[in-house]
Every structure is written in C-alpha cells, then in structure tokens.
C-alpha cells in the first residue's frame, strides 16, 4: 500500500487542505537539512522501517466544526510530515479525531507517506466490524496500516477478526494497547500467548514499570512497541517548569525538556515509536527534533532519571 521511501512535502500536504488556504502562506517549519536525518526503527514482523517519532491525537484532534482549530491542526500536520513523520495514532474513543484527520489529509495523494494507526474500542464481533468500517471511512483510507485493540477491550473477540482482515489485505498490521498501569499483567499475558505485530503502552522517565516485563517481552516475541503518555500527561513539564536543562544535555543533542523526555524513551532499544500529542506547531517541531541527532547511552539515561527525580 505505502512506499516507506515516499516523503510528503509541505506543498503536497497543504494542497489537500481545501479551504484552509491561509495555511499555505506560512513559511516552512523544517529542521535544518544537515540535521534532518531522522532515526528509523524496523517493525520486527516485516522489517519495514518507521520514524521513531509519531503523533497521537487523543484530546488534541477532537475539534470537528471548529474552523480555527482545524486550521491550526493543518499546520501541525504539515510540520509533522515536513520533519519526517509518518505514523499517526487515533481511536474512535477520541471523539471526532479520525474524521478530522481524514478531512485535513484529503486526497490519496496527500496520504502518500501516512502510516495510519487506529483502534477498535467496543464489545462484540459485529459492533467491532462496524466500528472498523467507520474508522476507514472517517480516515479516508482503503487500508488501515495498523489496527489495535484499545485497552484490551473484548480482545478475544476482536483478535480473530483482525487476523481475518489482515489476511484479506484490509489491514497491514495488528496490535493491542493499554494506557494505564493496572492492565500491564493482562497485556503481558497476551504478549506471551498471541502473535502480534505491535503493542502500545505508557512509558516515560517517571513511569518506568514497562521496563520490568512489557519491553523485554515485546523484544523477545518480535513485537513493535508504540509508547503513549511520554510526558505523563503534562506532569513532567509541571515538575521542570522554570528550570534549565542540565549542562550535560548537550551530550545527546538535547535543546528542550520535551526532547529530554522523548530522547530518554527513544534511547531504549526496544522502543519502535513514541506518539506524543500536541495542537501547537512549535511543540510539534520541538518534538520532532528529538528524532534526530545522538541519543543518551545507558549511563546517561540513568543520570537523567536521577536528575528528574531530584527536582
């Protein structure tokens, strides 16, 4: 479906946003060419390589009917693709997010480098099939790159359907998710017993429970890992507000607290892609910069943990 070597340009994307013409007047927000060497990681089940920085849409893309918010998000998407992004993660749980993404991306030409990830979040086989059909229509795609079972909801019912759809070519990869620690044991059991392409869970510098079994299990079973809640729902920024970065952050090309937190996650070898959500262009550009340059080694990661814990 998608050639991973195709890169969406700002011009091709903005040509798809229809009436949001004022966006086209904005200057590019691209990392300097010499620095725009985005780190890629392979999906173990296929070898396809993905940028380590993706984008989440929870809370930020539920803006159907708000013209000003739509225009702002068009700029956010342009900055995302301009700086090497591909994977956008959504869910029917996120209100109008899927529809907003589909409307802003527009034509198939505008989706040339999109890796569309969404979820099934309901009970029952028939309801799950109907929901996945709606997701495809809302996103405006013929094939979903990654369909995930959201928060393990009725996963034993949905997983056989996902496998059927994958065999038929309607989805390319299948996965399962959680976004809170209380389901880690249940998720670990699924990883031990089922064959999956992706798993998604929370992991950040302040919440490292996933290091105990989920990250090692994913690696052992050849499952790609998506990371949500990289900023602990903003609490990490509250902790660091008004504080400067430690001087040694320059050792891994870090220029902001967002990059500090994201590079900590990306530096874990078992992480495939992290998916922060934002509705601001400056934050998107800042986030994407975490995917270029050097990463902290194991000693620096331990130093990062100690430093944040001391604040």
Protein backbone atom coordinates (compact mmCIF):
# COMPACT_ATOMS: atom_id res chain seq x y z
CA UNK A 1 0.00 0.00 0.00
CA UNK A 2 2.63 2.52 1.06
CA UNK A 3 6.17 3.02 -0.14
CA UNK A 4 8.08 3.90 3.04
CA UNK A 5 10.60 5.87 0.95
CA UNK A 6 7.96 8.37 -0.21
CA UNK A 7 8.11 11.60 1.78
CA UNK A 8 5.20 14.00 1.99
CA UNK A 9 6.28 17.55 1.24
CA UNK A 10 4.75 20.63 2.76
CA UNK A 11 3.42 21.68 -0.64
CA UNK A 12 1.72 18.34 -1.39
CA UNK A 13 0.14 18.27 2.05
CA UNK A 14 -1.10 21.83 2.06
CA UNK A 15 -2.57 21.28 -1.37
CA UNK A 16 -5.02 18.86 0.23
CA UNK A 17 -6.43 21.01 3.00
CA UNK A 18 -9.11 22.57 0.81
CA UNK A 19 -10.46 25.81 2.15
CA UNK A 20 -7.71 26.28 4.72
CA UNK A 21 -5.84 28.45 2.22
CA UNK A 22 -4.23 30.74 4.74
CA UNK A 23 -2.05 27.86 5.92
CA UNK A 24 -0.33 27.87 2.53
CA UNK A 25 1.09 31.32 3.22
CA UNK A 26 3.12 30.18 6.20
CA UNK A 27 6.89 29.63 5.91
CA UNK A 28 8.26 26.08 6.24
CA UNK A 29 8.94 24.81 9.75
CA UNK A 30 11.53 22.22 8.91
CA UNK A 31 14.61 21.10 10.77
CA UNK A 32 17.85 22.28 9.12
CA UNK A 33 18.74 19.95 6.25
CA UNK A 34 22.02 18.89 7.85
CA UNK A 35 20.16 17.81 10.99
CA UNK A 36 17.12 16.26 9.31
CA UNK A 37 18.41 12.69 9.45
CA UNK A 38 15.53 11.04 11.17
CA UNK A 39 16.14 7.92 13.20
CA UNK A 40 14.22 4.91 11.90
CA UNK A 41 13.46 1.63 13.61
CA UNK A 42 12.26 -1.63 11.98
CA UNK A 43 8.93 -3.31 12.59
CA UNK A 44 10.18 -6.78 13.63
CA UNK A 45 7.45 -8.75 11.82
CA UNK A 46 8.19 -7.18 8.44
CA UNK A 47 11.41 -5.17 8.50
CA UNK A 48 9.57 -2.02 7.36
CA UNK A 49 11.23 0.98 8.99
CA UNK A 50 9.32 3.70 10.80
CA UNK A 51 10.46 7.08 12.14
CA UNK A 52 10.89 6.90 15.91
CA UNK A 53 8.66 9.96 16.32
CA UNK A 54 4.97 9.57 15.58
CA UNK A 55 1.92 11.56 16.62
CA UNK A 56 -1.01 10.86 18.91
CA UNK A 57 -4.42 12.51 18.57
CA UNK A 58 -6.07 11.98 21.96
CA UNK A 59 -7.67 15.22 23.21
CA UNK A 60 -5.98 17.34 20.52
CA UNK A 61 -7.89 16.38 17.33
CA UNK A 62 -11.45 16.26 18.67
CA UNK A 63 -12.30 19.62 17.06
CA UNK A 64 -14.94 18.84 14.42
CA UNK A 65 -16.77 22.06 13.48
CA UNK A 66 -14.15 24.43 14.92
CA UNK A 67 -12.66 26.15 11.86
CA UNK A 68 -9.90 27.94 13.76
CA UNK A 69 -8.79 24.74 15.49
CA UNK A 70 -8.90 22.86 12.18
CA UNK A 71 -6.63 25.43 10.56
CA UNK A 72 -4.19 25.22 13.45
CA UNK A 73 -4.13 21.42 13.23
CA UNK A 74 -3.49 21.62 9.49
CA UNK A 75 -0.30 23.49 10.36
CA UNK A 76 0.58 20.89 12.98
CA UNK A 77 0.18 18.10 10.43
CA UNK A 78 2.27 19.99 7.90
CA UNK A 79 5.07 20.37 10.45
CA UNK A 80 4.80 16.68 11.32
CA UNK A 81 5.17 15.46 7.73
CA UNK A 82 7.69 18.15 6.86
CA UNK A 83 10.01 16.88 9.55
CA UNK A 84 9.83 13.21 8.61
CA UNK A 85 6.76 11.96 10.48
CA UNK A 86 4.59 9.07 9.24
CA UNK A 87 2.68 7.27 11.99
CA UNK A 88 -0.49 8.96 13.27
CA UNK A 89 -2.34 7.12 16.03
CA UNK A 90 -6.05 7.61 16.70
CA UNK A 91 -9.14 5.85 18.06
CA UNK A 92 -12.96 6.02 17.97
CA UNK A 93 -12.55 6.86 21.67
CA UNK A 94 -11.06 10.25 20.70
CA UNK A 95 -14.32 11.86 19.57
CA UNK A 96 -14.03 13.36 16.08
CA UNK A 97 -10.26 12.82 15.79
CA UNK A 98 -10.45 10.23 12.99
CA UNK A 99 -12.79 12.42 10.93
CA UNK A 100 -10.62 15.49 11.47
CA UNK A 101 -7.52 13.62 10.31
CA UNK A 102 -9.33 12.34 7.23
CA UNK A 103 -10.63 15.79 6.32
CA UNK A 104 -7.28 17.51 6.77
CA UNK A 105 -5.36 14.89 4.82
CA UNK A 106 -7.85 14.97 1.96
CA UNK A 107 -6.84 13.17 -1.20
CA UNK A 108 -4.91 9.93 -1.58
CA UNK A 109 -2.01 11.98 -2.89
CA UNK A 110 -1.89 13.70 0.49
CA UNK A 111 -1.62 10.34 2.24
CA UNK A 112 1.44 9.11 0.36
CA UNK A 113 3.60 8.70 3.47
CA UNK A 114 0.91 8.31 6.13
CA UNK A 115 1.08 5.25 8.38
CA UNK A 116 -2.50 5.20 9.69
CA UNK A 117 -2.94 3.58 13.10
CA UNK A 118 -6.27 3.41 14.88
CA UNK A 119 -8.17 1.09 17.21
CA UNK A 120 -11.30 -0.96 17.78
CA UNK A 121 -12.97 0.00 21.04
CA UNK A 122 -16.28 -1.75 21.59
CA UNK A 123 -17.79 -5.09 22.61
CA UNK A 124 -18.89 -7.85 20.22
CA UNK A 125 -17.81 -9.04 16.77
CA UNK A 126 -20.49 -7.22 14.76
CA UNK A 127 -20.01 -3.96 16.63
CA UNK A 128 -16.25 -4.22 16.19
CA UNK A 129 -16.54 -4.77 12.44
CA UNK A 130 -18.93 -1.85 12.08
CA UNK A 131 -16.62 0.40 14.09
CA UNK A 132 -13.58 -0.52 12.00
CA UNK A 133 -15.52 0.16 8.80
CA UNK A 134 -16.42 3.62 10.14
CA UNK A 135 -12.80 4.29 11.05
CA UNK A 136 -11.69 3.55 7.49
CA UNK A 137 -14.36 5.89 6.11
CA UNK A 138 -13.52 8.66 8.56
CA UNK A 139 -9.80 8.42 7.89
CA UNK A 140 -10.46 8.21 4.16
CA UNK A 141 -8.26 5.17 3.58
CA UNK A 142 -8.85 1.86 1.84
CA UNK A 143 -6.41 0.00 4.07
CA UNK A 144 -5.55 0.63 7.73
CA UNK A 145 -1.82 0.27 8.34
CA UNK A 146 -2.25 -0.69 11.99
CA UNK A 147 -5.46 -1.75 13.73
CA UNK A 148 -5.15 -2.13 17.50
CA UNK A 149 -7.50 -3.43 20.19
CA UNK A 150 -7.92 -0.46 22.50
CA UNK A 151 -7.21 -1.09 26.19
CA UNK A 152 -7.67 -4.85 25.66
CA UNK A 153 -11.43 -4.36 25.31
CA UNK A 154 -13.08 -7.67 24.30
CA UNK A 155 -9.76 -8.64 22.76
CA UNK A 156 -10.53 -12.36 22.46
CA UNK A 157 -13.47 -11.48 20.19
CA UNK A 158 -11.70 -8.86 18.09
CA UNK A 159 -8.32 -10.54 17.54
CA UNK A 160 -9.61 -13.27 15.17
CA UNK A 161 -11.37 -10.57 13.11
CA UNK A 162 -8.18 -8.51 12.90
CA UNK A 163 -6.35 -11.58 11.66
CA UNK A 164 -9.03 -12.20 9.03
CA UNK A 165 -8.80 -8.60 7.84
CA UNK A 166 -5.02 -8.78 7.72
CA UNK A 167 -5.18 -11.92 5.59
CA UNK A 168 -7.59 -10.16 3.24
CA UNK A 169 -5.32 -7.12 2.99
CA UNK A 170 -7.72 -4.71 4.70
CA UNK A 171 -5.19 -4.02 7.44
CA UNK A 172 -1.42 -4.42 7.33
CA UNK A 173 -0.52 -4.89 10.99
CA UNK A 174 -2.40 -5.85 14.13
CA UNK A 175 -1.80 -4.83 17.73
CA UNK A 176 -3.18 -4.30 21.21
CA UNK A 177 -2.91 -1.40 23.65
CA UNK A 178 -3.22 -0.15 27.18
CA UNK A 179 -2.73 3.35 28.57
CA UNK A 180 -2.61 2.73 32.31
CA UNK A 181 -0.54 0.51 34.56
CA UNK A 182 -3.29 -1.63 36.01
CA UNK A 183 -3.56 -3.68 32.80
CA UNK A 184 0.14 -4.47 32.44
CA UNK A 185 -0.16 -8.05 33.68
CA UNK A 186 -3.07 -8.80 31.35
CA UNK A 187 -1.17 -7.25 28.45
CA UNK A 188 1.92 -9.28 29.30
CA UNK A 189 -0.14 -12.47 29.16
CA UNK A 190 -1.42 -11.56 25.68
CA UNK A 191 2.16 -10.96 24.52
CA UNK A 192 3.17 -14.38 25.83
CA UNK A 193 0.35 -16.27 24.13
CA UNK A 194 -0.64 -14.40 20.95
CA UNK A 195 1.13 -13.42 17.74
CA UNK A 196 1.01 -9.65 17.22
CA UNK A 197 2.82 -7.05 15.15
CA UNK A 198 2.50 -4.13 17.60
CA UNK A 199 1.85 -3.39 21.24
CA UNK A 200 1.20 0.05 22.73
CA UNK A 201 1.54 1.14 26.35
CA UNK A 202 2.64 4.02 28.60
CA UNK A 203 6.32 4.59 29.39
CA UNK A 204 8.24 7.69 30.41
CA UNK A 205 11.09 8.84 32.63
CA UNK A 206 8.80 8.96 35.69
CA UNK A 207 6.82 5.78 34.96
CA UNK A 208 9.24 3.01 34.05
CA UNK A 209 7.14 -0.01 35.06
CA UNK A 210 7.18 -1.21 31.43
CA UNK A 211 10.90 -1.96 31.77
CA UNK A 212 10.11 -4.84 34.12
CA UNK A 213 8.32 -7.13 31.66
CA UNK A 214 6.48 -5.42 28.78
CA UNK A 215 9.52 -4.08 26.94
CA UNK A 216 11.53 -7.32 27.33
CA UNK A 217 8.51 -9.43 26.32
CA UNK A 218 7.94 -7.34 23.19
CA UNK A 219 11.58 -7.74 22.23
CA UNK A 220 11.58 -11.48 22.90
CA UNK A 221 8.44 -12.01 20.80
CA UNK A 222 9.38 -9.70 17.92
CA UNK A 223 6.65 -7.12 18.56
CA UNK A 224 7.00 -3.44 17.65
CA UNK A 225 6.40 -1.02 20.53
CA UNK A 226 4.44 2.24 20.45
CA UNK A 227 4.75 4.47 23.52
CA UNK A 228 1.94 6.72 24.75
CA UNK A 229 1.87 9.32 27.56
CA UNK A 230 5.58 10.23 27.14
CA UNK A 231 5.11 13.39 29.21
CA UNK A 232 2.98 11.74 31.94
CA UNK A 233 0.01 13.80 30.72
CA UNK A 234 1.98 17.02 31.17
CA UNK A 235 3.04 16.43 34.78
CA UNK A 236 6.71 16.21 33.74
CA UNK A 237 6.55 19.77 32.41
CA UNK A 238 4.98 20.96 35.66
CA UNK A 239 7.90 19.44 37.51
CA UNK A 240 10.50 21.14 35.31
CA UNK A 241 8.77 24.50 34.81
CA UNK A 242 11.20 27.37 35.29
CA UNK A 243 14.21 25.06 35.46
CA UNK A 244 17.01 24.94 32.93
CA UNK A 245 18.30 21.79 31.32
CA UNK A 246 21.39 20.21 32.88
CA UNK A 247 24.54 21.24 31.04
CA UNK A 248 25.29 17.65 30.06
CA UNK A 249 22.11 17.52 27.92
CA UNK A 250 24.24 18.75 25.03
CA UNK A 251 25.96 15.36 25.02
CA UNK A 252 22.88 13.92 23.27
CA UNK A 253 21.80 16.92 21.17
CA UNK A 254 19.01 17.96 23.53
CA UNK A 255 17.65 21.51 23.43
CA UNK A 256 14.40 21.36 25.42
CA UNK A 257 12.69 19.43 28.19
CA UNK A 258 10.37 17.83 25.62
CA UNK A 259 13.40 16.48 23.75
CA UNK A 260 14.93 15.39 27.06
CA UNK A 261 11.88 13.27 27.91
CA UNK A 262 11.42 11.93 24.37
CA UNK A 263 15.08 11.05 23.84
CA UNK A 264 15.03 9.11 27.10
CA UNK A 265 12.26 6.92 25.66
CA UNK A 266 13.65 6.63 22.13
CA UNK A 267 17.04 5.61 23.51
CA UNK A 268 15.54 2.39 24.85
CA UNK A 269 16.44 -0.17 22.15
CA UNK A 270 13.10 -1.98 22.37
CA UNK A 271 11.00 1.12 21.60
CA UNK A 272 9.91 1.47 17.98
CA UNK A 273 7.99 4.77 18.01
CA UNK A 274 6.72 7.30 20.54
CA UNK A 275 3.44 9.18 19.91
CA UNK A 276 3.13 12.49 21.77
CA UNK A 277 0.04 14.58 21.04
CA UNK A 278 0.02 18.34 20.51
CA UNK A 279 -2.11 21.04 18.92
CA UNK A 280 0.72 23.59 18.61
CA UNK A 281 3.16 23.84 15.70
CA UNK A 282 6.07 24.95 17.89
CA UNK A 283 5.61 21.91 20.11
CA UNK A 284 5.36 19.59 17.10
CA UNK A 285 8.60 20.94 15.64
CA UNK A 286 10.28 20.64 19.03
CA UNK A 287 9.04 17.06 19.48
CA UNK A 288 10.21 16.01 16.02
CA UNK A 289 13.71 17.29 16.75
CA UNK A 290 14.01 14.53 19.36
CA UNK A 291 14.17 12.03 16.50
CA UNK A 292 17.41 13.42 15.06
CA UNK A 293 20.92 13.65 16.44
CA UNK A 294 22.50 11.46 19.09
CA UNK A 295 20.72 9.64 21.91
CA UNK A 296 21.75 9.12 25.53
CA UNK A 297 23.57 5.89 26.33
CA UNK A 298 22.68 3.69 29.31
CA UNK A 299 24.81 5.71 31.74
CA UNK A 300 23.26 8.99 30.62
CA UNK A 301 19.75 7.54 30.87
CA UNK A 302 20.41 6.61 34.50
CA UNK A 303 21.72 10.13 35.09
CA UNK A 304 18.57 11.56 33.50
CA UNK A 305 16.34 9.53 35.83
CA UNK A 306 18.29 10.65 38.89
CA UNK A 307 18.20 14.28 37.81
CA UNK A 308 14.43 14.38 37.22
CA UNK A 309 13.77 12.54 40.48
CA UNK A 310 15.77 15.18 42.36
CA UNK A 311 13.70 18.12 41.08
